[in-house]
Amino acid sequence: GQYFVLSPCKYRLHCLSFCTKPTGTHTAMDLSDMRKKYKADDQCF
């Protein structure tokens, strides 16, 4: 169903799955690979 919830587990795994590229400093980070899946075309509006 639409409101299936495994929030704490799913959220943690989702965060871990993002790839971040360290830049060698603590004030900059490349977030270009941070993305997630949205709805599929058969679920369009």
ModelCIF file with pLDDT and N, C-alpha, C, O atoms, coordinates in Angstrom:
data_MODEL
#
_entry.id   MODEL 
#
_entity.id                         1 
_entity.type                       polymer 
_entity.pdbx_number_of_molecules   1 
#
_entity_poly.entity_id                      1 
_entity_poly.type                           'polypeptide(L)' 
_entity_poly.nstd_linkage                   no 
_entity_poly.nstd_monomer                   no 
_entity_poly.pdbx_seq_one_letter_code       GQYFVLSPCKYRLHCLSFCTKPTGTHTAMDLSDMRKKYKADDQCF 
_entity_poly.pdbx_seq_one_letter_code_can   GQYFVLSPCKYRLHCLSFCTKPTGTHTAMDLSDMRKKYKADDQCF 
_entity_poly.pdbx_strand_id                 A 
#
loop_
_entity_poly_seq.entity_id 
_entity_poly_seq.num 
_entity_poly_seq.mon_id 
_entity_poly_seq.hetero 
1 1  GLY n 
1 2  GLN n 
1 3  TYR n 
1 4  PHE n 
1 5  VAL n 
1 6  LEU n 
1 7  SER n 
1 8  PRO n 
1 9  CYS n 
1 10 LYS n 
1 11 TYR n 
1 12 ARG n 
1 13 LEU n 
1 14 HIS n 
1 15 CYS n 
1 16 LEU n 
1 17 SER n 
1 18 PHE n 
1 19 CYS n 
1 20 THR n 
1 21 LYS n 
1 22 PRO n 
1 23 THR n 
1 24 GLY n 
1 25 THR n 
1 26 HIS n 
1 27 THR n 
1 28 ALA n 
1 29 MET n 
1 30 ASP n 
1 31 LEU n 
1 32 SER n 
1 33 ASP n 
1 34 MET n 
1 35 ARG n 
1 36 LYS n 
1 37 LYS n 
1 38 TYR n 
1 39 LYS n 
1 40 ALA n 
1 41 ASP n 
1 42 ASP n 
1 43 GLN n 
1 44 CYS n 
1 45 PHE n 
#
_struct_asym.id          A 
_struct_asym.entity_id   1 
#
loop_
_ma_qa_metric.id 
_ma_qa_metric.mode 
_ma_qa_metric.name 
_ma_qa_metric.software_group_id 
_ma_qa_metric.type 
1 global pLDDT . pLDDT 
2 local  pLDDT . pLDDT 
#
_ma_qa_metric_global.metric_id      1 
_ma_qa_metric_global.metric_value   63.38 
_ma_qa_metric_global.model_id       1 
_ma_qa_metric_global.ordinal_id     1 
#
loop_
_ma_qa_metric_local.label_asym_id 
_ma_qa_metric_local.label_comp_id 
_ma_qa_metric_local.label_seq_id 
_ma_qa_metric_local.metric_id 
_ma_qa_metric_local.metric_value 
_ma_qa_metric_local.model_id 
_ma_qa_metric_local.ordinal_id 
A GLY 1  2 48.00 1 1  
A GLN 2  2 45.00 1 2  
A TYR 3  2 41.00 1 3  
A PHE 4  2 43.00 1 4  
A VAL 5  2 44.00 1 5  
A LEU 6  2 45.00 1 6  
A SER 7  2 47.00 1 7  
A PRO 8  2 45.00 1 8  
A CYS 9  2 47.00 1 9  
A LYS 10 2 48.00 1 10 
A TYR 11 2 44.00 1 11 
A ARG 12 2 47.00 1 12 
A LEU 13 2 47.00 1 13 
A HIS 14 2 49.00 1 14 
A CYS 15 2 46.00 1 15 
A LEU 16 2 45.00 1 16 
A SER 17 2 47.00 1 17 
A PHE 18 2 47.00 1 18 
A CYS 19 2 47.00 1 19 
A THR 20 2 53.00 1 20 
A LYS 21 2 58.00 1 21 
A PRO 22 2 58.00 1 22 
A THR 23 2 55.00 1 23 
A GLY 24 2 60.00 1 24 
A THR 25 2 62.00 1 25 
A HIS 26 2 70.00 1 26 
A THR 27 2 78.00 1 27 
A ALA 28 2 86.00 1 28 
A MET 29 2 88.00 1 29 
A ASP 30 2 90.00 1 30 
A LEU 31 2 90.00 1 31 
A SER 32 2 88.00 1 32 
A ASP 33 2 87.00 1 33 
A MET 34 2 87.00 1 34 
A ARG 35 2 81.00 1 35 
A LYS 36 2 79.00 1 36 
A LYS 37 2 81.00 1 37 
A TYR 38 2 80.00 1 38 
A LYS 39 2 76.00 1 39 
A ALA 40 2 75.00 1 40 
A ASP 41 2 76.00 1 41 
A ASP 42 2 72.00 1 42 
A GLN 43 2 79.00 1 43 
A CYS 44 2 85.00 1 44 
A PHE 45 2 86.00 1 45 
#
loop_
_atom_site.group_PDB 
_atom_site.id 
_atom_site.type_symbol 
_atom_site.label_atom_id 
_atom_site.label_alt_id 
_atom_site.label_comp_id 
_atom_site.label_asym_id 
_atom_site.label_entity_id 
_atom_site.label_seq_id 
_atom_site.pdbx_PDB_ins_code 
_atom_site.Cartn_x 
_atom_site.Cartn_y 
_atom_site.Cartn_z 
_atom_site.occupancy 
_atom_site.B_iso_or_equiv 
_atom_site.pdbx_formal_charge 
_atom_site.auth_seq_id 
_atom_site.auth_comp_id 
_atom_site.auth_asym_id 
_atom_site.auth_atom_id 
_atom_site.pdbx_PDB_model_num 
ATOM 1   N N  . GLY A 1 1  ? 0.809  -1.215 0.000   1.00 48.00 ? 1  GLY A N  1 
ATOM 2   C CA . GLY A 1 1  ? 0.000  0.000  0.000   1.00 48.00 ? 1  GLY A CA 1 
ATOM 3   C C  . GLY A 1 1  ? 0.838  1.258  0.000   1.00 48.00 ? 1  GLY A C  1 
ATOM 4   O O  . GLY A 1 1  ? 2.055  1.226  0.178   1.00 48.00 ? 1  GLY A O  1 
ATOM 5   N N  . GLN A 1 2  ? 0.138  2.384  -0.209  1.00 45.00 ? 2  GLN A N  1 
ATOM 6   C CA . GLN A 1 2  ? 0.807  3.674  -0.407  1.00 45.00 ? 2  GLN A CA 1 
ATOM 7   C C  . GLN A 1 2  ? 1.571  4.147  0.813   1.00 45.00 ? 2  GLN A C  1 
ATOM 8   O O  . GLN A 1 2  ? 2.586  4.829  0.674   1.00 45.00 ? 2  GLN A O  1 
ATOM 9   N N  . TYR A 1 3  ? 1.103  3.799  2.019   1.00 41.00 ? 3  TYR A N  1 
ATOM 10  C CA . TYR A 1 3  ? 1.700  4.374  3.221   1.00 41.00 ? 3  TYR A CA 1 
ATOM 11  C C  . TYR A 1 3  ? 2.489  3.341  4.018   1.00 41.00 ? 3  TYR A C  1 
ATOM 12  O O  . TYR A 1 3  ? 2.548  3.402  5.246   1.00 41.00 ? 3  TYR A O  1 
ATOM 13  N N  . PHE A 1 4  ? 3.099  2.387  3.303   1.00 43.00 ? 4  PHE A N  1 
ATOM 14  C CA . PHE A 1 4  ? 3.973  1.417  3.931   1.00 43.00 ? 4  PHE A CA 1 
ATOM 15  C C  . PHE A 1 4  ? 5.085  2.143  4.677   1.00 43.00 ? 4  PHE A C  1 
ATOM 16  O O  . PHE A 1 4  ? 5.710  3.051  4.128   1.00 43.00 ? 4  PHE A O  1 
ATOM 17  N N  . VAL A 1 5  ? 5.338  1.749  5.926   1.00 44.00 ? 5  VAL A N  1 
ATOM 18  C CA . VAL A 1 5  ? 6.316  2.481  6.734   1.00 44.00 ? 5  VAL A CA 1 
ATOM 19  C C  . VAL A 1 5  ? 7.332  1.540  7.373   1.00 44.00 ? 5  VAL A C  1 
ATOM 20  O O  . VAL A 1 5  ? 6.959  0.618  8.099   1.00 44.00 ? 5  VAL A O  1 
ATOM 21  N N  . LEU A 1 6  ? 8.602  1.770  7.105   1.00 45.00 ? 6  LEU A N  1 
ATOM 22  C CA . LEU A 1 6  ? 9.712  1.217  7.879   1.00 45.00 ? 6  LEU A CA 1 
ATOM 23  C C  . LEU A 1 6  ? 10.670 2.380  8.113   1.00 45.00 ? 6  LEU A C  1 
ATOM 24  O O  . LEU A 1 6  ? 11.864 2.291  7.827   1.00 45.00 ? 6  LEU A O  1 
ATOM 25  N N  . SER A 1 7  ? 10.119 3.471  8.639   1.00 47.00 ? 7  SER A N  1 
ATOM 26  C CA . SER A 1 7  ? 10.804 4.766  8.575   1.00 47.00 ? 7  SER A CA 1 
ATOM 27  C C  . SER A 1 7  ? 12.235 4.769  9.111   1.00 47.00 ? 7  SER A C  1 
ATOM 28  O O  . SER A 1 7  ? 13.140 5.132  8.360   1.00 47.00 ? 7  SER A O  1 
ATOM 29  N N  . PRO A 1 8  ? 12.498 4.382  10.380  1.00 45.00 ? 8  PRO A N  1 
ATOM 30  C CA . PRO A 1 8  ? 13.868 4.523  10.884  1.00 45.00 ? 8  PRO A CA 1 
ATOM 31  C C  . PRO A 1 8  ? 14.872 3.728  10.068  1.00 45.00 ? 8  PRO A C  1 
ATOM 32  O O  . PRO A 1 8  ? 15.937 4.232  9.709   1.00 45.00 ? 8  PRO A O  1 
ATOM 33  N N  . CYS A 1 9  ? 14.516 2.458  9.775   1.00 47.00 ? 9  CYS A N  1 
ATOM 34  C CA . CYS A 1 9  ? 15.413 1.594  9.013   1.00 47.00 ? 9  CYS A CA 1 
ATOM 35  C C  . CYS A 1 9  ? 15.593 2.119  7.602   1.00 47.00 ? 9  CYS A C  1 
ATOM 36  O O  . CYS A 1 9  ? 16.716 2.275  7.123   1.00 47.00 ? 9  CYS A O  1 
ATOM 37  N N  . LYS A 1 10 ? 14.480 2.390  6.944   1.00 48.00 ? 10 LYS A N  1 
ATOM 38  C CA . LYS A 1 10 ? 14.535 2.832  5.552   1.00 48.00 ? 10 LYS A CA 1 
ATOM 39  C C  . LYS A 1 10 ? 15.278 4.156  5.437   1.00 48.00 ? 10 LYS A C  1 
ATOM 40  O O  . LYS A 1 10 ? 16.066 4.348  4.512   1.00 48.00 ? 10 LYS A O  1 
ATOM 41  N N  . TYR A 1 11 ? 15.028 5.072  6.376   1.00 44.00 ? 11 TYR A N  1 
ATOM 42  C CA . TYR A 1 11 ? 15.683 6.380  6.324   1.00 44.00 ? 11 TYR A CA 1 
ATOM 43  C C  . TYR A 1 11 ? 17.194 6.224  6.464   1.00 44.00 ? 11 TYR A C  1 
ATOM 44  O O  . TYR A 1 11 ? 17.958 6.865  5.742   1.00 44.00 ? 11 TYR A O  1 
ATOM 45  N N  . ARG A 1 12 ? 17.629 5.362  7.406   1.00 47.00 ? 12 ARG A N  1 
ATOM 46  C CA . ARG A 1 12 ? 19.060 5.167  7.626   1.00 47.00 ? 12 ARG A CA 1 
ATOM 47  C C  . ARG A 1 12 ? 19.711 4.571  6.385   1.00 47.00 ? 12 ARG A C  1 
ATOM 48  O O  . ARG A 1 12 ? 20.773 5.024  5.958   1.00 47.00 ? 12 ARG A O  1 
ATOM 49  N N  . LEU A 1 13 ? 19.072 3.550  5.804   1.00 47.00 ? 13 LEU A N  1 
ATOM 50  C CA . LEU A 1 13 ? 19.616 2.932  4.605   1.00 47.00 ? 13 LEU A CA 1 
ATOM 51  C C  . LEU A 1 13 ? 19.660 3.919  3.453   1.00 47.00 ? 13 LEU A C  1 
ATOM 52  O O  . LEU A 1 13 ? 20.599 3.928  2.657   1.00 47.00 ? 13 LEU A O  1 
ATOM 53  N N  . HIS A 1 14 ? 18.619 4.759  3.378   1.00 49.00 ? 14 HIS A N  1 
ATOM 54  C CA . HIS A 1 14 ? 18.564 5.762  2.307   1.00 49.00 ? 14 HIS A CA 1 
ATOM 55  C C  . HIS A 1 14 ? 19.732 6.745  2.439   1.00 49.00 ? 14 HIS A C  1 
ATOM 56  O O  . HIS A 1 14 ? 20.347 7.123  1.442   1.00 49.00 ? 14 HIS A O  1 
ATOM 57  N N  . CYS A 1 15 ? 20.028 7.149  3.659   1.00 46.00 ? 15 CYS A N  1 
ATOM 58  C CA . CYS A 1 15 ? 21.144 8.073  3.880   1.00 46.00 ? 15 CYS A CA 1 
ATOM 59  C C  . CYS A 1 15 ? 22.471 7.412  3.514   1.00 46.00 ? 15 CYS A C  1 
ATOM 60  O O  . CYS A 1 15 ? 23.331 8.039  2.895   1.00 46.00 ? 15 CYS A O  1 
ATOM 61  N N  . LEU A 1 16 ? 22.635 6.144  3.897   1.00 45.00 ? 16 LEU A N  1 
ATOM 62  C CA . LEU A 1 16 ? 23.879 5.443  3.609   1.00 45.00 ? 16 LEU A CA 1 
ATOM 63  C C  . LEU A 1 16 ? 24.086 5.228  2.122   1.00 45.00 ? 16 LEU A C  1 
ATOM 64  O O  . LEU A 1 16 ? 25.221 5.186  1.647   1.00 45.00 ? 16 LEU A O  1 
ATOM 65  N N  . SER A 1 17 ? 22.988 5.090  1.385   1.00 47.00 ? 17 SER A N  1 
ATOM 66  C CA . SER A 1 17 ? 23.097 4.796  -0.039  1.00 47.00 ? 17 SER A CA 1 
ATOM 67  C C  . SER A 1 17 ? 23.549 6.002  -0.847  1.00 47.00 ? 17 SER A C  1 
ATOM 68  O O  . SER A 1 17 ? 23.995 5.840  -1.983  1.00 47.00 ? 17 SER A O  1 
ATOM 69  N N  . PHE A 1 18 ? 23.447 7.230  -0.282  1.00 47.00 ? 18 PHE A N  1 
ATOM 70  C CA . PHE A 1 18 ? 23.937 8.412  -0.980  1.00 47.00 ? 18 PHE A CA 1 
ATOM 71  C C  . PHE A 1 18 ? 25.464 8.370  -1.034  1.00 47.00 ? 18 PHE A C  1 
ATOM 72  O O  . PHE A 1 18 ? 26.121 8.027  -0.051  1.00 47.00 ? 18 PHE A O  1 
ATOM 73  N N  . CYS A 1 19 ? 26.007 8.715  -2.170  1.00 47.00 ? 19 CYS A N  1 
ATOM 74  C CA . CYS A 1 19 ? 27.463 8.761  -2.320  1.00 47.00 ? 19 CYS A CA 1 
ATOM 75  C C  . CYS A 1 19 ? 27.925 10.206 -2.230  1.00 47.00 ? 19 CYS A C  1 
ATOM 76  O O  . CYS A 1 19 ? 27.529 11.037 -3.047  1.00 47.00 ? 19 CYS A O  1 
ATOM 77  N N  . THR A 1 20 ? 28.744 10.505 -1.261  1.00 53.00 ? 20 THR A N  1 
ATOM 78  C CA . THR A 1 20 ? 29.284 11.857 -1.148  1.00 53.00 ? 20 THR A CA 1 
ATOM 79  C C  . THR A 1 20 ? 30.780 11.817 -1.385  1.00 53.00 ? 20 THR A C  1 
ATOM 80  O O  . THR A 1 20 ? 31.466 10.903 -0.929  1.00 53.00 ? 20 THR A O  1 
ATOM 81  N N  . LYS A 1 21 ? 31.281 12.808 -2.096  1.00 58.00 ? 21 LYS A N  1 
ATOM 82  C CA . LYS A 1 21 ? 32.690 12.848 -2.451  1.00 58.00 ? 21 LYS A CA 1 
ATOM 83  C C  . LYS A 1 21 ? 33.405 13.873 -1.579  1.00 58.00 ? 21 LYS A C  1 
ATOM 84  O O  . LYS A 1 21 ? 33.167 15.072 -1.723  1.00 58.00 ? 21 LYS A O  1 
ATOM 85  N N  . PRO A 1 22 ? 34.284 13.420 -0.669  1.00 58.00 ? 22 PRO A N  1 
ATOM 86  C CA . PRO A 1 22 ? 34.994 14.387 0.170   1.00 58.00 ? 22 PRO A CA 1 
ATOM 87  C C  . PRO A 1 22 ? 35.907 15.264 -0.669  1.00 58.00 ? 22 PRO A C  1 
ATOM 88  O O  . PRO A 1 22 ? 36.484 14.821 -1.662  1.00 58.00 ? 22 PRO A O  1 
ATOM 89  N N  . THR A 1 23 ? 36.024 16.515 -0.247  1.00 55.00 ? 23 THR A N  1 
ATOM 90  C CA . THR A 1 23 ? 36.853 17.469 -0.989  1.00 55.00 ? 23 THR A CA 1 
ATOM 91  C C  . THR A 1 23 ? 38.144 17.786 -0.242  1.00 55.00 ? 23 THR A C  1 
ATOM 92  O O  . THR A 1 23 ? 38.945 18.598 -0.706  1.00 55.00 ? 23 THR A O  1 
ATOM 93  N N  . GLY A 1 24 ? 38.350 17.159 0.899   1.00 60.00 ? 24 GLY A N  1 
ATOM 94  C CA . GLY A 1 24 ? 39.570 17.422 1.653   1.00 60.00 ? 24 GLY A CA 1 
ATOM 95  C C  . GLY A 1 24 ? 39.416 18.513 2.677   1.00 60.00 ? 24 GLY A C  1 
ATOM 96  O O  . GLY A 1 24 ? 40.365 18.801 3.407   1.00 60.00 ? 24 GLY A O  1 
ATOM 97  N N  . THR A 1 25 ? 38.235 19.145 2.760   1.00 62.00 ? 25 THR A N  1 
ATOM 98  C CA . THR A 1 25 ? 37.993 20.163 3.775   1.00 62.00 ? 25 THR A CA 1 
ATOM 99  C C  . THR A 1 25 ? 36.721 19.823 4.508   1.00 62.00 ? 25 THR A C  1 
ATOM 100 O O  . THR A 1 25 ? 35.952 18.968 4.069   1.00 62.00 ? 25 THR A O  1 
ATOM 101 N N  . HIS A 1 26 ? 36.491 20.494 5.634   1.00 70.00 ? 26 HIS A N  1 
ATOM 102 C CA . HIS A 1 26 ? 35.276 20.280 6.414   1.00 70.00 ? 26 HIS A CA 1 
ATOM 103 C C  . HIS A 1 26 ? 34.177 21.255 6.016   1.00 70.00 ? 26 HIS A C  1 
ATOM 104 O O  . HIS A 1 26 ? 33.084 21.203 6.580   1.00 70.00 ? 26 HIS A O  1 
ATOM 105 N N  . THR A 1 27 ? 34.434 22.139 5.065   1.00 78.00 ? 27 THR A N  1 
ATOM 106 C CA . THR A 1 27 ? 33.461 23.172 4.715   1.00 78.00 ? 27 THR A CA 1 
ATOM 107 C C  . THR A 1 27 ? 32.899 23.006 3.315   1.00 78.00 ? 27 THR A C  1 
ATOM 108 O O  . THR A 1 27 ? 32.094 23.827 2.875   1.00 78.00 ? 27 THR A O  1 
ATOM 109 N N  . ALA A 1 28 ? 33.310 21.955 2.602   1.00 86.00 ? 28 ALA A N  1 
ATOM 110 C CA . ALA A 1 28 ? 32.803 21.750 1.245   1.00 86.00 ? 28 ALA A CA 1 
ATOM 111 C C  . ALA A 1 28 ? 32.622 20.263 0.994   1.00 86.00 ? 28 ALA A C  1 
ATOM 112 O O  . ALA A 1 28 ? 33.431 19.451 1.442   1.00 86.00 ? 28 ALA A O  1 
ATOM 113 N N  . MET A 1 29 ? 31.567 19.905 0.284   1.00 88.00 ? 29 MET A N  1 
ATOM 114 C CA . MET A 1 29 ? 31.328 18.513 -0.057  1.00 88.00 ? 29 MET A CA 1 
ATOM 115 C C  . MET A 1 29 ? 30.579 18.444 -1.368  1.00 88.00 ? 29 MET A C  1 
ATOM 116 O O  . MET A 1 29 ? 29.650 19.220 -1.593  1.00 88.00 ? 29 MET A O  1 
ATOM 117 N N  . ASP A 1 30 ? 30.964 17.539 -2.226  1.00 90.00 ? 30 ASP A N  1 
ATOM 118 C CA . ASP A 1 30 ? 30.289 17.337 -3.505  1.00 90.00 ? 30 ASP A CA 1 
ATOM 119 C C  . ASP A 1 30 ? 29.069 16.463 -3.271  1.00 90.00 ? 30 ASP A C  1 
ATOM 120 O O  . ASP A 1 30 ? 29.202 15.297 -2.899  1.00 90.00 ? 30 ASP A O  1 
ATOM 121 N N  . LEU A 1 31 ? 27.880 17.016 -3.487  1.00 90.00 ? 31 LEU A N  1 
ATOM 122 C CA . LEU A 1 31 ? 26.622 16.285 -3.281  1.00 90.00 ? 31 LEU A CA 1 
ATOM 123 C C  . LEU A 1 31 ? 25.958 15.908 -4.604  1.00 90.00 ? 31 LEU A C  1 
ATOM 124 O O  . LEU A 1 31 ? 24.766 15.605 -4.639  1.00 90.00 ? 31 LEU A O  1 
ATOM 125 N N  . SER A 1 32 ? 26.730 15.926 -5.688  1.00 88.00 ? 32 SER A N  1 
ATOM 126 C CA . SER A 1 32 ? 26.144 15.712 -7.008  1.00 88.00 ? 32 SER A CA 1 
ATOM 127 C C  . SER A 1 32 ? 25.529 14.322 -7.169  1.00 88.00 ? 32 SER A C  1 
ATOM 128 O O  . SER A 1 32 ? 24.652 14.135 -8.012  1.00 88.00 ? 32 SER A O  1 
ATOM 129 N N  . ASP A 1 33 ? 25.973 13.346 -6.377  1.00 87.00 ? 33 ASP A N  1 
ATOM 130 C CA . ASP A 1 33 ? 25.429 11.990 -6.492  1.00 87.00 ? 33 ASP A CA 1 
ATOM 131 C C  . ASP A 1 33 ? 24.243 11.738 -5.563  1.00 87.00 ? 33 ASP A C  1 
ATOM 132 O O  . ASP A 1 33 ? 23.700 10.634 -5.542  1.00 87.00 ? 33 ASP A O  1 
ATOM 133 N N  . MET A 1 34 ? 23.839 12.748 -4.800  1.00 87.00 ? 34 MET A N  1 
ATOM 134 C CA . MET A 1 34 ? 22.700 12.556 -3.907  1.00 87.00 ? 34 MET A CA 1 
ATOM 135 C C  . MET A 1 34 ? 21.405 12.657 -4.698  1.00 87.00 ? 34 MET A C  1 
ATOM 136 O O  . MET A 1 34 ? 21.029 13.738 -5.151  1.00 87.00 ? 34 MET A O  1 
ATOM 137 N N  . ARG A 1 35 ? 20.733 11.545 -4.859  1.00 81.00 ? 35 ARG A N  1 
ATOM 138 C CA . ARG A 1 35 ? 19.454 11.530 -5.558  1.00 81.00 ? 35 ARG A CA 1 
ATOM 139 C C  . ARG A 1 35 ? 18.663 10.317 -5.102  1.00 81.00 ? 35 ARG A C  1 
ATOM 140 O O  . ARG A 1 35 ? 19.231 9.353  -4.588  1.00 81.00 ? 35 ARG A O  1 
ATOM 141 N N  . LYS A 1 36 ? 17.366 10.365 -5.290  1.00 79.00 ? 36 LYS A N  1 
ATOM 142 C CA . LYS A 1 36 ? 16.519 9.234  -4.909  1.00 79.00 ? 36 LYS A CA 1 
ATOM 143 C C  . LYS A 1 36 ? 15.472 9.034  -5.982  1.00 79.00 ? 36 LYS A C  1 
ATOM 144 O O  . LYS A 1 36 ? 15.221 9.918  -6.801  1.00 79.00 ? 36 LYS A O  1 
ATOM 145 N N  . LYS A 1 37 ? 14.874 7.876  -5.966  1.00 81.00 ? 37 LYS A N  1 
ATOM 146 C CA . LYS A 1 37 ? 13.819 7.571  -6.920  1.00 81.00 ? 37 LYS A CA 1 
ATOM 147 C C  . LYS A 1 37 ? 12.506 8.191  -6.461  1.00 81.00 ? 37 LYS A C  1 
ATOM 148 O O  . LYS A 1 37 ? 12.180 8.193  -5.274  1.00 81.00 ? 37 LYS A O  1 
ATOM 149 N N  . TYR A 1 38 ? 11.761 8.717  -7.429  1.00 80.00 ? 38 TYR A N  1 
ATOM 150 C CA . TYR A 1 38 ? 10.415 9.200  -7.152  1.00 80.00 ? 38 TYR A CA 1 
ATOM 151 C C  . TYR A 1 38 ? 9.435  8.168  -7.714  1.00 80.00 ? 38 TYR A C  1 
ATOM 152 O O  . TYR A 1 38 ? 9.692  6.965  -7.649  1.00 80.00 ? 38 TYR A O  1 
ATOM 153 N N  . LYS A 1 39 ? 8.347  8.624  -8.249  1.00 76.00 ? 39 LYS A N  1 
ATOM 154 C CA . LYS A 1 39 ? 7.345  7.720  -8.788  1.00 76.00 ? 39 LYS A CA 1 
ATOM 155 C C  . LYS A 1 39 ? 7.727  7.276  -10.198 1.00 76.00 ? 39 LYS A C  1 
ATOM 156 O O  . LYS A 1 39 ? 8.453  7.977  -10.903 1.00 76.00 ? 39 LYS A O  1 
ATOM 157 N N  . ALA A 1 40 ? 7.228  6.096  -10.604 1.00 75.00 ? 40 ALA A N  1 
ATOM 158 C CA . ALA A 1 40 ? 7.450  5.602  -11.956 1.00 75.00 ? 40 ALA A CA 1 
ATOM 159 C C  . ALA A 1 40 ? 6.416  6.212  -12.891 1.00 75.00 ? 40 ALA A C  1 
ATOM 160 O O  . ALA A 1 40 ? 5.429  6.802  -12.452 1.00 75.00 ? 40 ALA A O  1 
ATOM 161 N N  . ASP A 1 41 ? 6.660  6.060  -14.188 1.00 76.00 ? 41 ASP A N  1 
ATOM 162 C CA . ASP A 1 41 ? 5.791  6.696  -15.172 1.00 76.00 ? 41 ASP A CA 1 
ATOM 163 C C  . ASP A 1 41 ? 4.350  6.198  -15.066 1.00 76.00 ? 41 ASP A C  1 
ATOM 164 O O  . ASP A 1 41 ? 3.410  6.936  -15.358 1.00 76.00 ? 41 ASP A O  1 
ATOM 165 N N  . ASP A 1 42 ? 4.182  4.938  -14.647 1.00 72.00 ? 42 ASP A N  1 
ATOM 166 C CA . ASP A 1 42 ? 2.809  4.429  -14.522 1.00 72.00 ? 42 ASP A CA 1 
ATOM 167 C C  . ASP A 1 42 ? 2.090  4.984  -13.290 1.00 72.00 ? 42 ASP A C  1 
ATOM 168 O O  . ASP A 1 42 ? 0.914  4.695  -13.070 1.00 72.00 ? 42 ASP A O  1 
ATOM 169 N N  . GLN A 1 43 ? 2.808  5.789  -12.484 1.00 79.00 ? 43 GLN A N  1 
ATOM 170 C CA . GLN A 1 43 ? 2.195  6.448  -11.335 1.00 79.00 ? 43 GLN A CA 1 
ATOM 171 C C  . GLN A 1 43 ? 2.158  7.965  -11.525 1.00 79.00 ? 43 GLN A C  1 
ATOM 172 O O  . GLN A 1 43 ? 2.093  8.720  -10.555 1.00 79.00 ? 43 GLN A O  1 
ATOM 173 N N  . CYS A 1 44 ? 2.200  8.401  -12.785 1.00 85.00 ? 44 CYS A N  1 
ATOM 174 C CA . CYS A 1 44 ? 2.235  9.835  -13.061 1.00 85.00 ? 44 CYS A CA 1 
ATOM 175 C C  . CYS A 1 44 ? 0.896  10.491 -12.718 1.00 85.00 ? 44 CYS A C  1 
ATOM 176 O O  . CYS A 1 44 ? -0.109 9.818  -12.488 1.00 85.00 ? 44 CYS A O  1 
ATOM 177 N N  . PHE A 1 45 ? 0.916  11.815 -12.692 1.00 86.00 ? 45 PHE A N  1 
ATOM 178 C CA . PHE A 1 45 ? -0.263 12.602 -12.336 1.00 86.00 ? 45 PHE A CA 1 
ATOM 179 C C  . PHE A 1 45 ? -0.833 13.223 -13.604 1.00 86.00 ? 45 PHE A C  1 
ATOM 180 O O  . PHE A 1 45 ? -1.836 13.934 -13.547 1.00 86.00 ? 45 PHE A O  1 
#
